Amino acid sequence: MKRFFSNALPALFVGACLRLFFALKFPSSSGDTVLYDQLARNWLKFGKLAMDIAGQPTPVDLRMPGYPAFLAVVYAVTRRTGDSARLPVMLAQIFVDLATCVVVAFLALLLARLAGQAAKADRAFAAAIWLATLCPFTANYVAVSLTEVWAIFLTAVSLVILVLFAAEACRIPVPMLAGRQLTRGDTWKLGVLGGFVVGLGTLFRPEAPLLLVSTFAVIGHWMARRNDTQRWVKLCAITSMGCGLALLPWILRNAVTLHEFQPLAPKDATLASEVDPKGFLAWEKTWLYRMRHAYLVTWKLNDQEIEMDDIPAYAFDTDDERHRVSMVLERYNDDLTWTTEEDAMFAQLARERTARHPLRTYLWIPLKRSVVMWFTPRIELLPVSGHVFPLAYQAEEDPVDQRVTILFFLLNIAYLGLAARGSWNLWRCRRAHVAIAVLLIYIAVRTAFLTTMETPEPRYVLVCFPALIALAAQAAWRAEETKKPEPAPAPAPLSG
């Protein structure tokens, strides 16, 4: 049995079965799925990343090109598009996600070796590959055409390279890889390669460079203490150049086609004919922290009526606020078209609420958003209501949904708990401080960034799961290492 669990092949087989189950039983879609499909179709047909606007394929920069390129390749190979190509797309994503599991396991092995626990590294590898293959939160995203599978894979690869880069840059002893020891000259190669892979990840998710921010912060802190700031600047520059190299075709495309300097997708993804609802979104940031209100309020804008009853009471400080919002929404609901005047009113309301309670806007709401994103059942792709309370009522009305929701919530807590335990194990090994700092600071920086987005979608933190699972795997070797020793036999009595 021990040999079974230490072998990667059974884990990958079980993981493949789990992913096939999600793909065949619960295929899903989202609003972005339709957009990615349209971009891929036009790219394949007309050779340009374009949306259908007024019946014409019009080049846009609303999304990064990585995922549309992936779909276009699948469409070209299978000669299918849209729904008819759904199964080939999901099968390709299953392969990518299983590759992610192997990379995460290697990251866990690397962390154990950097901590000086070479004898326990195989145990960490085995724990990580089982935790990764059995993780339902990442596995069920193979069943939907979204960027998560590729973003998670490229993040995992980037973390392996950047952990090695940070350790070598900070003069931490690095174990032999591929039969040879890393040298000081390899630091620069790792920096360029790490930056390039982060650049590839940016072609799928525009916030991927946060990986470089966290890595630069860690090695910068270490080098500043040793008066090696000049070398830090050089390392940051060469790594950033690697990232820019991967983004260069996209930058040139936007410059030539759209006559703009846009290395990333714009944060506000609105067409030229639409009013950018900055004021409305600013108002929401003063109260919105639950995903259900994104469905009921945010994502209805310019499409459906927004009902006052769907806005929670804590979104209003006074009756006057409620009245002003009600008047504007009444006008909006008449024609479902957002205007600059309506948006200006919400912008003014956002300023008033922020001036009245600045900590609420800049601290408490972001903290609540981070809690929602991390402590959630993650059932958004499953046909499950998510209703748990009242316990007795839901147990009678919808027992299966209630049990699935509770199970997934507890699984999420288990992964977080194991990651906390594994992090503590690593932190007790001084040699691992740089590596664990890269992972934890990345998780913190990414979470803080996500709280500034218009909606706190739990799927956005899944990109942190390679780091989370690699840390969780470190709980395996410490548990055995801290076993209580057998009591020593009592000394024989001395003879007189």
Protein backbone atom coordinates (compact mmCIF):
# COMPACT_ATOMS: atom_id res chain seq x y z
CA MET A 1 0.00 0.00 0.00
CA LYS A 2 2.86 2.38 0.81
CA ARG A 3 4.38 1.72 -2.63
CA PHE A 4 0.99 2.44 -4.26
CA PHE A 5 0.67 5.88 -2.68
CA SER A 6 4.31 6.79 -3.34
CA ASN A 7 3.87 6.13 -7.09
CA ALA A 8 2.78 9.03 -9.28
CA LEU A 9 0.99 6.88 -11.89
CA PRO A 10 -1.93 5.76 -9.66
CA ALA A 11 -2.42 9.37 -8.54
CA LEU A 12 -2.49 10.61 -12.14
CA PHE A 13 -4.91 7.84 -13.13
CA VAL A 14 -7.29 8.72 -10.29
CA GLY A 15 -6.91 12.41 -11.15
CA ALA A 16 -7.74 11.73 -14.80
CA CYS A 17 -10.89 9.85 -13.75
CA LEU A 18 -11.95 12.72 -11.48
CA ARG A 19 -11.48 15.27 -14.27
CA LEU A 20 -13.31 13.11 -16.81
CA PHE A 21 -16.17 12.85 -14.32
CA PHE A 22 -16.45 16.64 -14.07
CA ALA A 23 -16.07 17.10 -17.83
CA LEU A 24 -18.70 14.52 -18.81
CA LYS A 25 -21.12 14.94 -15.91
CA PHE A 26 -20.95 18.70 -15.25
CA PRO A 27 -19.80 20.58 -18.38
CA SER A 28 -20.23 24.29 -17.77
CA SER A 29 -19.99 27.70 -19.40
CA SER A 30 -19.85 31.36 -18.43
CA GLY A 31 -20.21 34.78 -19.97
CA ASP A 32 -16.52 34.83 -20.81
CA THR A 33 -16.83 31.45 -22.54
CA VAL A 34 -18.92 33.01 -25.31
CA LEU A 35 -16.42 35.86 -25.69
CA TYR A 36 -13.40 33.54 -25.88
CA ASP A 37 -15.17 31.37 -28.45
CA GLN A 38 -15.94 34.39 -30.62
CA LEU A 39 -12.36 35.66 -30.41
CA ALA A 40 -11.01 32.22 -31.33
CA ARG A 41 -13.40 31.81 -34.28
CA ASN A 42 -12.50 35.18 -35.75
CA TRP A 43 -8.79 34.57 -35.20
CA LEU A 44 -9.06 31.28 -37.08
CA LYS A 45 -11.27 32.69 -39.86
CA PHE A 46 -9.88 36.19 -40.36
CA GLY A 47 -6.43 35.95 -38.76
CA LYS A 48 -7.13 38.60 -36.14
CA LEU A 49 -8.27 38.78 -32.52
CA ALA A 50 -11.65 40.39 -33.09
CA MET A 51 -15.22 40.61 -31.83
CA ASP A 52 -18.34 40.81 -33.95
CA ILE A 53 -19.47 44.43 -33.62
CA ALA A 54 -22.24 45.71 -35.89
CA GLY A 55 -21.83 42.60 -38.01
CA GLN A 56 -18.11 43.19 -38.62
CA PRO A 57 -15.07 41.50 -37.02
CA THR A 58 -13.47 44.36 -35.08
CA PRO A 59 -10.03 44.01 -33.41
CA VAL A 60 -10.20 44.46 -29.61
CA ASP A 61 -7.92 44.20 -26.60
CA LEU A 62 -10.62 43.27 -24.04
CA ARG A 63 -8.96 39.92 -23.26
CA MET A 64 -5.41 38.63 -23.38
CA PRO A 65 -4.71 36.46 -26.45
CA GLY A 66 -3.46 33.27 -24.77
CA TYR A 67 -6.72 31.43 -24.24
CA PRO A 68 -8.29 32.41 -27.60
CA ALA A 69 -5.07 31.14 -29.22
CA PHE A 70 -5.44 27.80 -27.38
CA LEU A 71 -9.06 27.49 -28.53
CA ALA A 72 -8.11 28.41 -32.10
CA VAL A 73 -5.48 25.64 -32.15
CA VAL A 74 -8.00 23.07 -30.89
CA TYR A 75 -10.56 24.28 -33.44
CA ALA A 76 -8.01 24.03 -36.24
CA VAL A 77 -6.85 20.52 -35.26
CA THR A 78 -10.36 19.09 -34.73
CA ARG A 79 -12.07 21.15 -37.44
CA ARG A 80 -14.81 21.90 -34.96
CA THR A 81 -15.83 25.11 -33.25
CA GLY A 82 -18.06 26.20 -30.42
CA ASP A 83 -20.15 23.57 -28.66
CA SER A 84 -19.10 20.82 -31.08
CA ALA A 85 -15.48 21.34 -29.98
CA ARG A 86 -16.30 21.35 -26.26
CA LEU A 87 -15.14 17.77 -25.62
CA PRO A 88 -11.75 18.16 -27.38
CA VAL A 89 -11.18 21.40 -25.44
CA MET A 90 -11.96 19.68 -22.15
CA LEU A 91 -9.73 16.69 -22.96
CA ALA A 92 -6.85 19.05 -23.76
CA GLN A 93 -7.44 20.89 -20.49
CA ILE A 94 -7.42 17.59 -18.59
CA PHE A 95 -3.97 16.85 -19.99
CA VAL A 96 -2.72 20.34 -19.02
CA ASP A 97 -4.19 20.07 -15.52
CA LEU A 98 -2.55 16.67 -14.92
CA ALA A 99 0.75 18.17 -16.05
CA THR A 100 0.15 20.87 -13.42
CA CYS A 101 -0.15 18.17 -10.75
CA VAL A 102 3.31 16.83 -11.67
CA VAL A 103 4.83 20.33 -11.59
CA VAL A 104 3.24 21.03 -8.19
CA ALA A 105 4.66 17.76 -6.85
CA PHE A 106 8.11 18.76 -8.10
CA LEU A 107 7.72 22.14 -6.39
CA ALA A 108 6.91 20.34 -3.11
CA LEU A 109 9.96 18.11 -3.54
CA LEU A 110 12.12 21.17 -4.21
CA LEU A 111 10.86 22.92 -1.07
CA ALA A 112 11.69 19.90 1.08
CA ARG A 113 15.19 19.69 -0.36
CA LEU A 114 15.79 23.41 0.07
CA ALA A 115 14.78 22.95 3.71
CA GLY A 116 17.51 20.34 4.09
CA GLN A 117 15.01 17.49 4.29
CA ALA A 118 16.32 15.42 1.37
CA ALA A 119 15.34 12.18 3.09
CA LYS A 120 11.73 13.41 3.33
CA ALA A 121 11.51 14.95 -0.16
CA ASP A 122 9.96 11.84 -1.75
CA ARG A 123 7.25 11.87 0.91
CA ALA A 124 6.50 15.52 0.09
CA PHE A 125 6.37 14.67 -3.64
CA ALA A 126 3.89 11.84 -3.06
CA ALA A 127 1.70 13.93 -0.75
CA ALA A 128 1.65 16.81 -3.22
CA ILE A 129 0.72 14.75 -6.26
CA TRP A 130 -2.19 13.12 -4.42
CA LEU A 131 -3.36 16.45 -3.01
CA ALA A 132 -3.14 18.00 -6.48
CA THR A 133 -4.83 15.22 -8.45
CA LEU A 134 -7.65 14.86 -5.92
CA CYS A 135 -8.29 18.60 -5.54
CA PRO A 136 -11.86 19.11 -6.83
CA PHE A 137 -11.55 22.89 -6.83
CA THR A 138 -9.04 22.95 -9.67
CA ALA A 139 -10.20 19.71 -11.31
CA ASN A 140 -13.71 20.94 -12.09
CA TYR A 141 -12.36 23.88 -14.13
CA VAL A 142 -11.34 21.48 -16.92
CA ALA A 143 -15.08 21.37 -17.68
CA VAL A 144 -15.40 25.05 -18.64
CA SER A 145 -13.75 27.19 -21.30
CA LEU A 146 -11.99 29.68 -19.03
CA THR A 147 -8.35 30.61 -18.47
CA GLU A 148 -7.99 28.93 -15.07
CA VAL A 149 -6.42 25.63 -16.23
CA TRP A 150 -3.68 27.31 -18.25
CA ALA A 151 -3.16 30.08 -15.69
CA ILE A 152 -2.68 27.54 -12.89
CA PHE A 153 -0.26 25.47 -14.99
CA LEU A 154 1.94 28.42 -15.98
CA THR A 155 1.87 29.72 -12.40
CA ALA A 156 3.12 26.35 -11.13
CA VAL A 157 5.97 26.30 -13.67
CA SER A 158 6.84 29.92 -12.84
CA LEU A 159 6.96 29.17 -9.12
CA VAL A 160 9.41 26.29 -9.59
CA ILE A 161 11.75 28.51 -11.59
CA LEU A 162 11.36 31.59 -9.39
CA VAL A 163 11.93 29.63 -6.16
CA LEU A 164 15.19 28.32 -7.63
CA PHE A 165 16.02 31.82 -8.87
CA ALA A 166 15.40 33.40 -5.46
CA ALA A 167 17.36 30.71 -3.61
CA GLU A 168 20.34 30.97 -5.94
CA ALA A 169 20.24 34.79 -5.91
CA CYS A 170 20.22 34.76 -2.09
CA ARG A 171 23.12 32.26 -1.89
CA ILE A 172 20.91 29.53 -0.41
CA PRO A 173 22.36 26.04 -1.07
CA VAL A 174 20.36 24.54 -3.93
CA PRO A 175 20.21 20.73 -4.40
CA MET A 176 21.59 19.17 -7.55
CA LEU A 177 19.20 19.20 -10.50
CA ALA A 178 19.50 16.98 -13.57
CA GLY A 179 22.73 15.60 -12.18
CA ARG A 180 24.54 18.90 -11.76
CA GLN A 181 24.89 21.69 -9.26
CA LEU A 182 23.61 25.17 -10.07
CA THR A 183 26.27 27.85 -10.34
CA ARG A 184 26.20 31.61 -9.96
CA GLY A 185 25.93 31.99 -13.73
CA ASP A 186 22.70 30.01 -13.65
CA THR A 187 21.05 32.79 -11.64
CA TRP A 188 20.81 35.00 -14.70
CA LYS A 189 19.48 32.15 -16.84
CA LEU A 190 16.85 31.33 -14.24
CA GLY A 191 15.86 34.99 -14.09
CA VAL A 192 15.34 35.26 -17.85
CA LEU A 193 13.52 31.92 -18.02
CA GLY A 194 11.33 32.76 -15.03
CA GLY A 195 10.43 36.14 -16.47
CA PHE A 196 9.63 34.58 -19.86
CA VAL A 197 7.30 31.95 -18.34
CA VAL A 198 5.58 34.66 -16.28
CA GLY A 199 5.16 36.56 -19.55
CA LEU A 200 3.50 33.51 -21.10
CA GLY A 201 1.20 33.37 -18.07
CA THR A 202 0.38 37.05 -18.58
CA LEU A 203 -0.93 36.18 -22.05
CA PHE A 204 -3.65 34.24 -20.20
CA ARG A 205 -4.15 36.33 -17.03
CA PRO A 206 -2.95 39.96 -17.01
CA GLU A 207 -2.12 39.94 -13.26
CA ALA A 208 0.52 37.20 -13.63
CA PRO A 209 3.43 39.69 -13.17
CA LEU A 210 2.50 39.78 -9.48
CA LEU A 211 4.69 36.67 -9.33
CA LEU A 212 7.68 38.83 -10.20
CA VAL A 213 6.66 41.51 -7.69
CA SER A 214 6.68 39.01 -4.81
CA THR A 215 9.98 37.45 -5.92
CA PHE A 216 11.66 40.84 -6.33
CA ALA A 217 10.46 41.85 -2.85
CA VAL A 218 11.97 38.73 -1.24
CA ILE A 219 15.38 38.90 -2.88
CA GLY A 220 15.41 42.69 -2.48
CA HIS A 221 14.96 42.36 1.28
CA TRP A 222 17.73 39.78 1.50
CA MET A 223 20.18 41.74 -0.70
CA ALA A 224 19.49 45.08 1.01
CA ARG A 225 20.63 43.56 4.31
CA ARG A 226 23.89 42.59 2.60
CA ASN A 227 24.41 45.87 0.71
CA ASP A 228 23.96 44.13 -2.63
CA THR A 229 21.33 46.48 -4.07
CA GLN A 230 23.12 46.94 -7.39
CA ARG A 231 22.99 43.23 -8.12
CA TRP A 232 19.30 43.19 -7.16
CA VAL A 233 18.54 45.93 -9.69
CA LYS A 234 20.34 43.97 -12.41
CA LEU A 235 18.49 40.76 -11.57
CA CYS A 236 15.13 42.56 -11.60
CA ALA A 237 15.95 44.17 -14.94
CA ILE A 238 16.99 40.94 -16.66
CA THR A 239 13.96 39.07 -15.31
CA SER A 240 11.60 41.84 -16.41
CA MET A 241 13.17 41.75 -19.86
CA GLY A 242 12.35 38.05 -20.07
CA CYS A 243 8.73 38.84 -19.24
CA GLY A 244 8.63 41.66 -21.78
CA LEU A 245 10.03 39.37 -24.47
CA ALA A 246 7.05 37.03 -24.14
CA LEU A 247 4.65 40.00 -24.29
CA LEU A 248 6.37 41.72 -27.23
CA PRO A 249 4.14 40.27 -30.01
CA TRP A 250 1.01 41.36 -28.11
CA ILE A 251 2.43 44.83 -27.48
CA LEU A 252 3.33 45.24 -31.16
CA ARG A 253 -0.08 43.99 -32.27
CA ASN A 254 -1.86 46.59 -30.12
CA ALA A 255 0.47 49.34 -31.31
CA VAL A 256 -0.01 48.53 -35.00
CA THR A 257 -3.68 47.50 -35.01
CA LEU A 258 -5.21 49.64 -32.25
CA HIS A 259 -2.61 52.46 -32.17
CA GLU A 260 -2.10 52.16 -28.42
CA PHE A 261 0.51 51.03 -25.93
CA GLN A 262 -1.28 48.26 -24.09
CA PRO A 263 0.94 45.45 -22.73
CA LEU A 264 -2.01 44.04 -20.76
CA ALA A 265 -5.76 43.86 -21.18
CA PRO A 266 -7.46 47.03 -19.91
CA LYS A 267 -8.93 46.76 -16.43
CA ASP A 268 -12.25 48.24 -17.55
CA ALA A 269 -13.38 45.92 -20.37
CA THR A 270 -15.95 48.15 -22.09
CA LEU A 271 -16.47 48.83 -25.76
CA ALA A 272 -16.15 52.33 -27.22
CA SER A 273 -19.94 52.55 -27.59
CA GLU A 274 -20.55 51.77 -23.92
CA VAL A 275 -20.38 54.01 -20.85
CA ASP A 276 -17.63 52.87 -18.51
CA PRO A 277 -19.48 52.38 -15.17
CA LYS A 278 -16.59 53.54 -12.99
CA GLY A 279 -18.86 55.40 -10.62
CA PHE A 280 -21.20 52.44 -10.18
CA LEU A 281 -18.27 50.09 -9.50
CA ALA A 282 -16.73 52.58 -7.05
CA TRP A 283 -20.04 52.65 -5.17
CA GLU A 284 -20.13 48.85 -5.06
CA LYS A 285 -16.64 48.72 -3.57
CA THR A 286 -18.03 50.49 -0.49
CA TRP A 287 -20.32 47.54 0.35
CA LEU A 288 -20.13 44.51 -2.00
CA TYR A 289 -18.18 41.53 -0.74
CA ARG A 290 -20.44 38.52 -1.43
CA MET A 291 -20.62 36.81 -4.83
CA ARG A 292 -24.40 36.51 -4.78
CA HIS A 293 -24.68 40.30 -5.10
CA ALA A 294 -22.46 40.22 -8.18
CA TYR A 295 -25.10 38.03 -9.84
CA LEU A 296 -27.99 40.11 -8.52
CA VAL A 297 -26.55 43.57 -9.15
CA THR A 298 -23.17 43.97 -10.90
CA TRP A 299 -23.58 41.60 -13.82
CA LYS A 300 -27.09 42.82 -14.61
CA LEU A 301 -25.86 46.28 -15.62
CA ASN A 302 -26.68 47.13 -19.26
CA ASP A 303 -28.50 43.82 -19.60
CA GLN A 304 -31.27 43.32 -17.01
CA GLU A 305 -33.30 45.29 -14.51
CA ILE A 306 -31.69 45.85 -11.10
CA GLU A 307 -34.17 45.54 -8.28
CA MET A 308 -33.83 47.52 -5.06
CA ASP A 309 -34.85 44.45 -3.06
CA ASP A 310 -31.71 42.68 -4.31
CA ILE A 311 -29.41 45.31 -2.77
CA PRO A 312 -28.66 44.58 0.92
CA ALA A 313 -29.52 47.05 3.65
CA TYR A 314 -25.85 47.64 4.53
CA ALA A 315 -25.33 49.22 1.10
CA PHE A 316 -27.09 52.33 2.46
CA ASP A 317 -26.11 54.50 5.39
CA THR A 318 -29.22 56.70 5.31
CA ASP A 319 -32.71 56.78 3.87
CA ASP A 320 -31.55 59.59 1.58
CA GLU A 321 -28.97 57.27 0.02
CA ARG A 322 -31.59 54.62 -0.58
CA HIS A 323 -33.91 57.16 -2.19
CA ARG A 324 -31.20 58.49 -4.53
CA VAL A 325 -30.22 55.00 -5.65
CA SER A 326 -33.87 54.06 -6.14
CA MET A 327 -34.49 57.10 -8.36
CA VAL A 328 -31.50 56.35 -10.61
CA LEU A 329 -32.26 52.64 -10.91
CA GLU A 330 -35.87 53.46 -11.78
CA ARG A 331 -34.67 55.52 -14.74
CA TYR A 332 -32.16 52.84 -15.74
CA ASN A 333 -34.77 50.07 -15.60
CA ASP A 334 -36.93 51.93 -18.13
CA ASP A 335 -34.50 51.38 -21.03
CA LEU A 336 -31.66 49.20 -19.55
CA THR A 337 -29.06 51.67 -20.83
CA TRP A 338 -26.45 53.09 -18.48
CA THR A 339 -25.76 56.81 -18.93
CA THR A 340 -22.97 59.14 -17.84
CA GLU A 341 -25.39 61.09 -15.64
CA GLU A 342 -26.46 57.96 -13.79
CA ASP A 343 -22.86 56.89 -13.34
CA ALA A 344 -21.89 60.33 -12.04
CA MET A 345 -24.52 60.08 -9.30
CA PHE A 346 -23.10 56.77 -8.12
CA ALA A 347 -19.57 58.21 -8.23
CA GLN A 348 -20.71 61.03 -5.95
CA LEU A 349 -22.37 58.53 -3.64
CA ALA A 350 -19.16 56.48 -3.50
CA ARG A 351 -17.15 59.56 -2.53
CA GLU A 352 -19.62 60.42 0.23
CA ARG A 353 -19.64 56.91 1.66
CA THR A 354 -15.84 56.69 1.56
CA ALA A 355 -15.42 60.09 3.22
CA ARG A 356 -17.88 59.03 5.92
CA HIS A 357 -16.22 55.64 6.61
CA PRO A 358 -12.79 55.42 4.89
CA LEU A 359 -11.78 52.29 6.84
CA ARG A 360 -14.87 50.52 5.57
CA THR A 361 -13.92 51.11 1.94
CA TYR A 362 -10.16 50.63 2.19
CA LEU A 363 -9.88 47.98 4.93
CA TRP A 364 -13.00 46.17 6.10
CA ILE A 365 -14.62 45.50 2.73
CA PRO A 366 -11.32 44.24 1.20
CA LEU A 367 -10.81 42.00 4.26
CA LYS A 368 -14.32 40.61 3.91
CA ARG A 369 -13.72 40.02 0.21
CA SER A 370 -10.51 38.09 0.92
CA VAL A 371 -12.31 35.92 3.48
CA VAL A 372 -15.10 35.19 0.99
CA MET A 373 -12.61 34.25 -1.74
CA TRP A 374 -10.62 31.87 0.45
CA PHE A 375 -13.24 30.41 2.80
CA THR A 376 -15.88 29.18 0.38
CA PRO A 377 -17.24 25.79 -0.76
CA ARG A 378 -16.13 26.53 -4.38
CA ILE A 379 -19.23 24.99 -5.94
CA GLU A 380 -19.81 27.71 -8.54
CA LEU A 381 -19.50 25.26 -11.47
CA LEU A 382 -21.68 22.56 -9.92
CA PRO A 383 -25.50 22.33 -10.03
CA VAL A 384 -25.64 22.87 -6.28
CA SER A 385 -27.66 25.58 -4.56
CA GLY A 386 -25.10 26.20 -1.82
CA HIS A 387 -27.84 26.67 0.77
CA VAL A 388 -26.88 25.29 4.18
CA PHE A 389 -28.87 27.29 6.73
CA PRO A 390 -31.23 26.82 8.45
CA LEU A 391 -29.67 23.41 8.99
CA ALA A 392 -32.84 21.46 9.80
CA TYR A 393 -34.89 23.06 7.03
CA GLN A 394 -32.25 22.54 4.31
CA ALA A 395 -31.61 18.98 5.51
CA GLU A 396 -35.27 18.25 4.82
CA GLU A 397 -35.73 20.33 1.66
CA ASP A 398 -32.41 19.81 -0.16
CA PRO A 399 -30.23 17.30 1.73
CA VAL A 400 -27.89 16.40 -1.16
CA ASP A 401 -27.05 20.02 -1.97
CA GLN A 402 -26.50 20.77 1.70
CA ARG A 403 -24.15 17.82 2.19
CA VAL A 404 -22.15 18.57 -0.96
CA THR A 405 -21.79 22.20 0.07
CA ILE A 406 -20.63 21.30 3.58
CA LEU A 407 -18.23 18.64 2.23
CA PHE A 408 -16.61 21.04 -0.23
CA PHE A 409 -16.36 23.74 2.43
CA LEU A 410 -14.61 21.34 4.83
CA LEU A 411 -12.30 20.15 2.03
CA ASN A 412 -11.31 23.75 1.36
CA ILE A 413 -10.62 24.27 5.07
CA ALA A 414 -8.55 21.06 5.10
CA TYR A 415 -6.33 22.28 2.25
CA LEU A 416 -5.83 25.63 3.97
CA GLY A 417 -5.09 23.94 7.30
CA LEU A 418 -2.53 21.59 5.78
CA ALA A 419 -0.89 24.53 4.01
CA ALA A 420 -0.62 26.39 7.32
CA ARG A 421 0.92 23.35 8.98
CA GLY A 422 3.33 22.77 6.12
CA SER A 423 4.35 26.42 6.14
CA TRP A 424 5.18 26.18 9.84
CA ASN A 425 7.29 23.07 9.20
CA LEU A 426 9.25 24.85 6.50
CA TRP A 427 9.66 28.01 8.55
CA ARG A 428 11.39 26.03 11.28
CA CYS A 429 14.09 25.23 8.69
CA ARG A 430 16.09 28.42 8.26
CA ARG A 431 17.34 27.47 4.80
CA ALA A 432 13.76 27.43 3.50
CA HIS A 433 12.88 30.99 4.54
CA VAL A 434 13.52 32.52 1.12
CA ALA A 435 11.50 29.86 -0.73
CA ILE A 436 8.51 29.99 1.59
CA ALA A 437 8.58 33.79 1.56
CA VAL A 438 8.27 33.78 -2.26
CA LEU A 439 5.15 31.61 -2.04
CA LEU A 440 3.44 33.30 0.90
CA ILE A 441 4.11 36.85 -0.27
CA TYR A 442 2.77 35.93 -3.72
CA ILE A 443 -0.44 34.58 -2.14
CA ALA A 444 -0.79 37.73 -0.03
CA VAL A 445 -0.05 40.15 -2.88
CA ARG A 446 -2.41 38.39 -5.28
CA THR A 447 -5.20 38.27 -2.68
CA ALA A 448 -4.79 41.98 -1.94
CA PHE A 449 -4.94 42.76 -5.66
CA LEU A 450 -8.06 40.66 -6.17
CA THR A 451 -9.93 42.59 -3.47
CA THR A 452 -9.68 45.68 -5.71
CA MET A 453 -11.52 44.03 -8.61
CA GLU A 454 -15.18 44.67 -9.32
CA THR A 455 -16.33 41.29 -7.96
CA PRO A 456 -14.70 38.93 -5.41
CA GLU A 457 -14.85 35.76 -7.56
CA PRO A 458 -13.47 32.76 -5.63
CA ARG A 459 -12.04 31.25 -8.84
CA TYR A 460 -9.42 33.98 -9.02
CA VAL A 461 -7.50 32.59 -6.03
CA LEU A 462 -7.25 29.14 -7.63
CA VAL A 463 -4.08 30.37 -9.33
CA CYS A 464 -2.52 30.33 -5.84
CA PHE A 465 -3.29 26.64 -5.36
CA PRO A 466 0.03 25.35 -6.76
CA ALA A 467 1.76 27.22 -3.93
CA LEU A 468 -0.93 26.19 -1.44
CA ILE A 469 -0.70 22.48 -2.28
CA ALA A 470 3.10 22.45 -2.36
CA LEU A 471 3.08 23.97 1.13
CA ALA A 472 0.40 21.54 2.33
CA ALA A 473 2.55 18.60 1.24
CA GLN A 474 5.25 19.65 3.71
CA ALA A 475 2.96 18.59 6.56
CA ALA A 476 3.71 14.95 5.66
CA TRP A 477 7.37 14.74 6.59
CA ARG A 478 7.20 16.80 9.78
CA ALA A 479 4.51 14.60 11.29
CA GLU A 480 6.81 11.59 11.16
CA GLU A 481 9.90 13.50 12.16
CA THR A 482 8.37 14.67 15.45
CA LYS A 483 7.32 11.25 16.72
CA LYS A 484 8.03 10.78 20.35
CA PRO A 485 11.10 8.60 20.88
CA GLU A 486 10.79 5.26 22.59
CA PRO A 487 11.37 5.64 26.34
CA ALA A 488 14.89 4.68 27.33
CA PRO A 489 15.18 1.64 29.55
CA ALA A 490 15.58 2.40 33.22
CA PRO A 491 19.21 2.20 34.40
CA ALA A 492 20.17 -0.83 36.40
CA PRO A 493 20.48 -0.18 40.14
CA LEU A 494 23.98 0.32 41.39
CA SER A 495 25.32 -2.46 43.50
CA GLY A 496 26.81 -1.61 46.79
